[in-house]
Amino acid sequence: MSTSSAQLRPPVSPRVLVVEDEARLRELLERVLPGWGFEVVAARSAEEAMRLAEADPPDIIILDLNLPGEGGLSFFRRVKQRWPNVQGIVQTGFGSVESAKVAIHLEVVEFLTKPASLGELEQALDRALRRVSTTLPVIPTSPADDVQDRQDTIDIPDDAPAGAAGKTLEEVERQHILATLIRHRGNRTATASALGISRRTLYYKIEEYEKQGFKVE
């Protein structure tokens, strides 16, 4: 199957499992990540995290190395044996060369030292999402789908400012972003990747367009 007739479509709301025994950091991630377009569940230990994973396997795991009971890398090794496509991001304040070697062997996306900035975490999540995309099955699209994509248009509200057909740079950008979103059938992860911007930037722009009265599917 040629790439011209197929495309990779990441999950619309990637599921992130946060495994962190530090309550403040765990709660921070539970608040922040949904705003970046992720579905988030959190656990205090490896045992609790495994139960959550078995109930609904995650796309990405953000985990601490030093957990009560089973350690983070031991847990992630078990996860990779069960679900090879799950991507991991390690956050720890007690990293070591040996831990880094194990993390590399398990193909961990990023090894972040606490306290990592939200910017560093966002970049790591973007890299993890790119890996998730490459492990997903290719979904074929027909020529009819491509024609329909080209025929899709953006709904412009009746009370939009004059010139909303796309005369200014701002309007051209808006129509380009919304048209790309339509082509990817509302998949914001794929849209952000196609546009070459982060998911957080895309979500911010969509939020602004909705405030302006533009309909965003």
C-alpha atoms as a PDB file:
ATOM      1  CA  MET A   1       0.000   0.000   0.000  1.00  0.00           C
ATOM      2  CA  SER A   2       1.492   3.354  -1.043  1.00  0.00           C
ATOM      3  CA  THR A   3       1.778   6.270   1.338  1.00  0.00           C
ATOM      4  CA  SER A   4      -0.255   8.384  -1.094  1.00  0.00           C
ATOM      5  CA  SER A   5      -3.334   6.256  -0.395  1.00  0.00           C
ATOM      6  CA  ALA A   6      -2.825   5.820   3.348  1.00  0.00           C
ATOM      7  CA  GLN A   7      -1.915   7.825   6.379  1.00  0.00           C
ATOM      8  CA  LEU A   8      -1.075   7.309  10.005  1.00  0.00           C
ATOM      9  CA  ARG A   9      -3.692   8.629  12.373  1.00  0.00           C
ATOM     10  CA  PRO A  10      -2.627   9.051  16.006  1.00  0.00           C
ATOM     11  CA  PRO A  11      -5.307   8.717  18.683  1.00  0.00           C
ATOM     12  CA  VAL A  12      -7.474  11.820  18.973  1.00  0.00           C
ATOM     13  CA  SER A  13      -6.992  11.956  22.764  1.00  0.00           C
ATOM     14  CA  PRO A  14      -3.832   9.994  23.616  1.00  0.00           C
ATOM     15  CA  ARG A  15      -4.063   8.247  26.985  1.00  0.00           C
ATOM     16  CA  VAL A  16      -1.276   9.092  29.428  1.00  0.00           C
ATOM     17  CA  LEU A  17      -0.635   7.107  32.584  1.00  0.00           C
ATOM     18  CA  VAL A  18       1.229   9.116  35.234  1.00  0.00           C
ATOM     19  CA  VAL A  19       3.043   6.946  37.796  1.00  0.00           C
ATOM     20  CA  GLU A  20       4.288   9.249  40.539  1.00  0.00           C
ATOM     21  CA  ASP A  21       4.271   8.883  44.328  1.00  0.00           C
ATOM     22  CA  GLU A  22       4.890  12.597  44.925  1.00  0.00           C
ATOM     23  CA  ALA A  23       1.370  13.956  45.323  1.00  0.00           C
ATOM     24  CA  ARG A  24       2.096  17.552  44.305  1.00  0.00           C
ATOM     25  CA  LEU A  25       3.750  16.586  41.021  1.00  0.00           C
ATOM     26  CA  ARG A  26       1.141  13.927  40.268  1.00  0.00           C
ATOM     27  CA  GLU A  27      -1.697  16.399  40.814  1.00  0.00           C
ATOM     28  CA  LEU A  28       0.068  19.039  38.703  1.00  0.00           C
ATOM     29  CA  LEU A  29       0.298  16.660  35.756  1.00  0.00           C
ATOM     30  CA  GLU A  30      -3.339  15.644  36.209  1.00  0.00           C
ATOM     31  CA  ARG A  31      -4.299  19.330  35.895  1.00  0.00           C
ATOM     32  CA  VAL A  32      -1.973  20.304  33.045  1.00  0.00           C
ATOM     33  CA  LEU A  33      -2.075  17.400  30.600  1.00  0.00           C
ATOM     34  CA  PRO A  34      -5.831  17.507  29.796  1.00  0.00           C
ATOM     35  CA  GLY A  35      -5.291  21.090  28.624  1.00  0.00           C
ATOM     36  CA  TRP A  36      -2.754  19.753  26.128  1.00  0.00           C
ATOM     37  CA  GLY A  37      -5.290  17.310  24.728  1.00  0.00           C
ATOM     38  CA  PHE A  38      -4.395  14.181  26.672  1.00  0.00           C
ATOM     39  CA  GLU A  39      -6.624  11.807  28.591  1.00  0.00           C
ATOM     40  CA  VAL A  40      -4.892  11.315  31.938  1.00  0.00           C
ATOM     41  CA  VAL A  41      -5.011   8.695  34.670  1.00  0.00           C
ATOM     42  CA  ALA A  42      -2.610   8.613  37.609  1.00  0.00           C
ATOM     43  CA  ALA A  43      -1.229   6.079  40.056  1.00  0.00           C
ATOM     44  CA  ARG A  44       0.906   6.261  43.203  1.00  0.00           C
ATOM     45  CA  SER A  45       2.667   2.925  42.707  1.00  0.00           C
ATOM     46  CA  ALA A  46       3.626   0.381  40.059  1.00  0.00           C
ATOM     47  CA  GLU A  47       1.013  -2.030  41.356  1.00  0.00           C
ATOM     48  CA  GLU A  48      -1.780   0.525  41.029  1.00  0.00           C
ATOM     49  CA  ALA A  49      -0.467   1.609  37.627  1.00  0.00           C
ATOM     50  CA  MET A  50      -0.514  -1.964  36.305  1.00  0.00           C
ATOM     51  CA  ARG A  51      -4.150  -2.338  37.317  1.00  0.00           C
ATOM     52  CA  LEU A  52      -4.998   0.846  35.413  1.00  0.00           C
ATOM     53  CA  ALA A  53      -3.006  -0.304  32.384  1.00  0.00           C
ATOM     54  CA  GLU A  54      -4.759  -3.660  32.328  1.00  0.00           C
ATOM     55  CA  ALA A  55      -8.144  -1.929  32.449  1.00  0.00           C
ATOM     56  CA  ASP A  56      -7.255   0.414  29.559  1.00  0.00           C
ATOM     57  CA  PRO A  57      -3.695   0.330  28.136  1.00  0.00           C
ATOM     58  CA  PRO A  58      -2.117   3.788  27.822  1.00  0.00           C
ATOM     59  CA  ASP A  59      -0.317   5.253  24.816  1.00  0.00           C
ATOM     60  CA  ILE A  60       2.313   6.981  26.966  1.00  0.00           C
ATOM     61  CA  ILE A  61       3.560   6.493  30.517  1.00  0.00           C
ATOM     62  CA  ILE A  62       5.233   9.236  32.565  1.00  0.00           C
ATOM     63  CA  LEU A  63       6.925   7.531  35.480  1.00  0.00           C
ATOM     64  CA  ASP A  64       9.228   8.104  38.392  1.00  0.00           C
ATOM     65  CA  LEU A  65      12.082   5.669  38.969  1.00  0.00           C
ATOM     66  CA  ASN A  66      11.834   5.552  42.742  1.00  0.00           C
ATOM     67  CA  LEU A  67       8.384   4.253  43.582  1.00  0.00           C
ATOM     68  CA  PRO A  68       7.191   2.494  46.710  1.00  0.00           C
ATOM     69  CA  GLY A  69       7.432  -1.247  46.126  1.00  0.00           C
ATOM     70  CA  GLU A  70       8.374  -2.125  42.565  1.00  0.00           C
ATOM     71  CA  GLY A  71      10.704   0.386  40.884  1.00  0.00           C
ATOM     72  CA  GLY A  72       9.736   2.413  37.850  1.00  0.00           C
ATOM     73  CA  LEU A  73      11.982   0.715  35.295  1.00  0.00           C
ATOM     74  CA  SER A  74      11.043  -2.765  36.468  1.00  0.00           C
ATOM     75  CA  PHE A  75       7.394  -1.794  36.050  1.00  0.00           C
ATOM     76  CA  PHE A  76       8.019  -0.312  32.608  1.00  0.00           C
ATOM     77  CA  ARG A  77       9.849  -3.473  31.513  1.00  0.00           C
ATOM     78  CA  ARG A  78       6.728  -5.497  32.363  1.00  0.00           C
ATOM     79  CA  VAL A  79       4.559  -2.986  30.506  1.00  0.00           C
ATOM     80  CA  LYS A  80       6.696  -3.234  27.358  1.00  0.00           C
ATOM     81  CA  GLN A  81       6.444  -7.015  27.448  1.00  0.00           C
ATOM     82  CA  ARG A  82       2.639  -6.778  27.497  1.00  0.00           C
ATOM     83  CA  TRP A  83       2.177  -3.705  25.271  1.00  0.00           C
ATOM     84  CA  PRO A  84       5.304  -3.149  23.132  1.00  0.00           C
ATOM     85  CA  ASN A  85       3.990   0.061  21.543  1.00  0.00           C
ATOM     86  CA  VAL A  86       3.585   1.969  24.821  1.00  0.00           C
ATOM     87  CA  GLN A  87       6.027   4.893  25.038  1.00  0.00           C
ATOM     88  CA  GLY A  88       7.737   5.926  28.261  1.00  0.00           C
ATOM     89  CA  ILE A  89       9.013   9.207  29.711  1.00  0.00           C
ATOM     90  CA  VAL A  90      11.082   8.953  32.896  1.00  0.00           C
ATOM     91  CA  GLN A  91      11.153  11.715  35.504  1.00  0.00           C
ATOM     92  CA  THR A  92      13.462  11.316  38.475  1.00  0.00           C
ATOM     93  CA  GLY A  93      15.579  13.243  40.917  1.00  0.00           C
ATOM     94  CA  PHE A  94      17.889  10.270  41.459  1.00  0.00           C
ATOM     95  CA  GLY A  95      19.110   9.259  38.020  1.00  0.00           C
ATOM     96  CA  SER A  96      22.187   7.102  37.518  1.00  0.00           C
ATOM     97  CA  VAL A  97      24.236   5.841  34.607  1.00  0.00           C
ATOM     98  CA  GLU A  98      22.871   2.337  35.112  1.00  0.00           C
ATOM     99  CA  SER A  99      19.283   3.602  35.143  1.00  0.00           C
ATOM    100  CA  ALA A 100      19.952   5.538  31.959  1.00  0.00           C
ATOM    101  CA  LYS A 101      21.331   2.413  30.278  1.00  0.00           C
ATOM    102  CA  VAL A 102      18.239   0.413  31.230  1.00  0.00           C
ATOM    103  CA  ALA A 103      15.996   3.247  30.033  1.00  0.00           C
ATOM    104  CA  ILE A 104      17.788   3.324  26.679  1.00  0.00           C
ATOM    105  CA  HIS A 105      17.446  -0.462  26.353  1.00  0.00           C
ATOM    106  CA  LEU A 106      13.700  -0.117  26.966  1.00  0.00           C
ATOM    107  CA  GLU A 107      13.591   2.658  24.338  1.00  0.00           C
ATOM    108  CA  VAL A 108      12.375   5.279  26.784  1.00  0.00           C
ATOM    109  CA  VAL A 109      11.589   8.487  24.883  1.00  0.00           C
ATOM    110  CA  GLU A 110      13.171  10.881  27.383  1.00  0.00           C
ATOM    111  CA  PHE A 111      15.014  10.807  30.696  1.00  0.00           C
ATOM    112  CA  LEU A 112      14.072  14.016  32.547  1.00  0.00           C
ATOM    113  CA  THR A 113      15.716  15.140  35.783  1.00  0.00           C
ATOM    114  CA  LYS A 114      13.380  16.614  38.385  1.00  0.00           C
ATOM    115  CA  PRO A 115      12.312  19.309  38.518  1.00  0.00           C
ATOM    116  CA  ALA A 116      11.746  19.267  34.766  1.00  0.00           C
ATOM    117  CA  SER A 117      10.059  22.287  33.214  1.00  0.00           C
ATOM    118  CA  LEU A 118       6.675  21.979  31.536  1.00  0.00           C
ATOM    119  CA  GLY A 119       8.372  22.974  28.287  1.00  0.00           C
ATOM    120  CA  GLU A 120      10.744  20.001  28.531  1.00  0.00           C
ATOM    121  CA  LEU A 121       7.851  17.698  29.304  1.00  0.00           C
ATOM    122  CA  GLU A 122       5.820  19.012  26.379  1.00  0.00           C
ATOM    123  CA  GLN A 123       8.727  18.370  24.012  1.00  0.00           C
ATOM    124  CA  ALA A 124       9.106  14.846  25.380  1.00  0.00           C
ATOM    125  CA  LEU A 125       5.383  14.210  24.888  1.00  0.00           C
ATOM    126  CA  ASP A 126       5.587  15.466  21.312  1.00  0.00           C
ATOM    127  CA  ARG A 127       8.420  13.006  20.639  1.00  0.00           C
ATOM    128  CA  ALA A 128       6.432  10.222  22.290  1.00  0.00           C
ATOM    129  CA  LEU A 129       3.424  11.027  20.105  1.00  0.00           C
ATOM    130  CA  ARG A 130       5.542  10.803  16.971  1.00  0.00           C
ATOM    131  CA  ARG A 131       6.610   7.329  18.060  1.00  0.00           C
ATOM    132  CA  VAL A 132       3.012   6.385  18.814  1.00  0.00           C
ATOM    133  CA  SER A 133       2.097   7.458  15.280  1.00  0.00           C
ATOM    134  CA  THR A 134       4.729   5.198  13.713  1.00  0.00           C
ATOM    135  CA  THR A 135       3.481   2.143  15.619  1.00  0.00           C
ATOM    136  CA  LEU A 136      -0.184   2.553  14.679  1.00  0.00           C
ATOM    137  CA  PRO A 137      -1.732   0.554  11.823  1.00  0.00           C
ATOM    138  CA  VAL A 138      -2.039   2.403   8.542  1.00  0.00           C
ATOM    139  CA  ILE A 139      -5.653   3.293   7.753  1.00  0.00           C
ATOM    140  CA  PRO A 140      -6.314   3.452   4.002  1.00  0.00           C
ATOM    141  CA  THR A 141      -8.070   6.388   2.442  1.00  0.00           C
ATOM    142  CA  SER A 142      -9.848   6.225  -0.879  1.00  0.00           C
ATOM    143  CA  PRO A 143      -9.532   8.764  -3.722  1.00  0.00           C
ATOM    144  CA  ALA A 144     -13.101   9.816  -2.878  1.00  0.00           C
ATOM    145  CA  ASP A 145     -11.931  10.741   0.629  1.00  0.00           C
ATOM    146  CA  ASP A 146      -9.178  12.928  -0.838  1.00  0.00           C
ATOM    147  CA  VAL A 147     -11.678  14.708  -3.110  1.00  0.00           C
ATOM    148  CA  GLN A 148     -14.013  15.300  -0.180  1.00  0.00           C
ATOM    149  CA  ASP A 149     -11.138  16.666   1.877  1.00  0.00           C
ATOM    150  CA  ARG A 150     -10.395  19.220  -0.828  1.00  0.00           C
ATOM    151  CA  GLN A 151     -14.073  20.187  -1.027  1.00  0.00           C
ATOM    152  CA  ASP A 152     -14.455  20.795   2.702  1.00  0.00           C
ATOM    153  CA  THR A 153     -14.818  24.451   3.679  1.00  0.00           C
ATOM    154  CA  ILE A 154     -14.663  26.444   6.889  1.00  0.00           C
ATOM    155  CA  ASP A 155     -17.867  27.829   8.385  1.00  0.00           C
ATOM    156  CA  ILE A 156     -17.490  31.585   8.932  1.00  0.00           C
ATOM    157  CA  PRO A 157     -19.873  33.156  11.458  1.00  0.00           C
ATOM    158  CA  ASP A 158     -22.309  35.831  10.282  1.00  0.00           C
ATOM    159  CA  ASP A 159     -20.832  38.368  12.692  1.00  0.00           C
ATOM    160  CA  ALA A 160     -17.200  37.726  11.740  1.00  0.00           C
ATOM    161  CA  PRO A 161     -15.121  40.823  10.959  1.00  0.00           C
ATOM    162  CA  ALA A 162     -15.090  42.121   7.410  1.00  0.00           C
ATOM    163  CA  GLY A 163     -12.557  40.360   5.215  1.00  0.00           C
ATOM    164  CA  ALA A 164     -13.044  36.992   6.978  1.00  0.00           C
ATOM    165  CA  ALA A 165     -12.703  35.211   3.621  1.00  0.00           C
ATOM    166  CA  GLY A 166      -8.945  35.157   4.258  1.00  0.00           C
ATOM    167  CA  LYS A 167      -7.426  38.492   3.224  1.00  0.00           C
ATOM    168  CA  THR A 168      -5.076  39.167   6.136  1.00  0.00           C
ATOM    169  CA  LEU A 169      -2.180  36.999   7.272  1.00  0.00           C
ATOM    170  CA  GLU A 170      -4.054  36.165  10.472  1.00  0.00           C
ATOM    171  CA  GLU A 171      -7.109  35.038   8.507  1.00  0.00           C
ATOM    172  CA  VAL A 172      -5.015  33.012   6.069  1.00  0.00           C
ATOM    173  CA  GLU A 173      -3.337  31.252   8.999  1.00  0.00           C
ATOM    174  CA  ARG A 174      -6.688  30.548  10.632  1.00  0.00           C
ATOM    175  CA  GLN A 175      -8.182  29.061   7.472  1.00  0.00           C
ATOM    176  CA  HIS A 176      -5.062  26.971   6.873  1.00  0.00           C
ATOM    177  CA  ILE A 177      -5.178  25.551  10.407  1.00  0.00           C
ATOM    178  CA  LEU A 178      -8.899  24.825  10.298  1.00  0.00           C
ATOM    179  CA  ALA A 179      -8.662  23.271   6.827  1.00  0.00           C
ATOM    180  CA  THR A 180      -5.837  21.015   8.048  1.00  0.00           C
ATOM    181  CA  LEU A 181      -8.010  20.014  11.002  1.00  0.00           C
ATOM    182  CA  ILE A 182     -10.815  19.073   8.600  1.00  0.00           C
ATOM    183  CA  ARG A 183      -8.452  17.027   6.414  1.00  0.00           C
ATOM    184  CA  HIS A 184      -7.450  15.027   9.474  1.00  0.00           C
ATOM    185  CA  ARG A 185     -11.096  14.589  10.519  1.00  0.00           C
ATOM    186  CA  GLY A 186     -10.695  16.423  13.795  1.00  0.00           C
ATOM    187  CA  ASN A 187      -7.580  14.505  14.891  1.00  0.00           C
ATOM    188  CA  ARG A 188      -5.646  17.235  16.668  1.00  0.00           C
ATOM    189  CA  THR A 189      -2.507  15.193  17.142  1.00  0.00           C
ATOM    190  CA  ALA A 190      -2.217  14.543  13.404  1.00  0.00           C
ATOM    191  CA  THR A 191      -3.140  18.176  12.657  1.00  0.00           C
ATOM    192  CA  ALA A 192      -0.409  19.559  14.927  1.00  0.00           C
ATOM    193  CA  SER A 193       2.109  17.193  13.325  1.00  0.00           C
ATOM    194  CA  ALA A 194       1.081  18.223   9.800  1.00  0.00           C
ATOM    195  CA  LEU A 195       1.311  21.906  10.716  1.00  0.00           C
ATOM    196  CA  GLY A 196       4.669  21.482  12.444  1.00  0.00           C
ATOM    197  CA  ILE A 197       3.455  22.991  15.720  1.00  0.00           C
ATOM    198  CA  SER A 198       3.018  21.614  19.222  1.00  0.00           C
ATOM    199  CA  ARG A 199      -0.326  20.296  20.435  1.00  0.00           C
ATOM    200  CA  ARG A 200      -0.408  23.027  23.077  1.00  0.00           C
ATOM    201  CA  THR A 201      -0.055  25.725  20.395  1.00  0.00           C
ATOM    202  CA  LEU A 202      -2.809  24.122  18.309  1.00  0.00           C
ATOM    203  CA  TYR A 203      -5.170  23.886  21.284  1.00  0.00           C
ATOM    204  CA  TYR A 204      -4.521  27.536  22.130  1.00  0.00           C
ATOM    205  CA  LYS A 205      -5.316  28.640  18.570  1.00  0.00           C
ATOM    206  CA  ILE A 206      -8.467  26.519  18.400  1.00  0.00           C
ATOM    207  CA  GLU A 207      -9.622  27.993  21.700  1.00  0.00           C
ATOM    208  CA  GLU A 208      -9.125  31.499  20.294  1.00  0.00           C
ATOM    209  CA  TYR A 209     -11.026  30.651  17.089  1.00  0.00           C
ATOM    210  CA  GLU A 210     -13.957  29.297  19.090  1.00  0.00           C
ATOM    211  CA  LYS A 211     -14.048  32.530  21.115  1.00  0.00           C
ATOM    212  CA  GLN A 212     -14.239  34.412  17.804  1.00  0.00           C
ATOM    213  CA  GLY A 213     -17.274  32.325  16.828  1.00  0.00           C
ATOM    214  CA  PHE A 214     -15.703  29.908  14.368  1.00  0.00           C
ATOM    215  CA  LYS A 215     -17.055  26.394  14.429  1.00  0.00           C
ATOM    216  CA  VAL A 216     -14.309  23.852  15.163  1.00  0.00           C
ATOM    217  CA  GLU A 217     -15.192  20.185  14.809  1.00  0.00           C
END
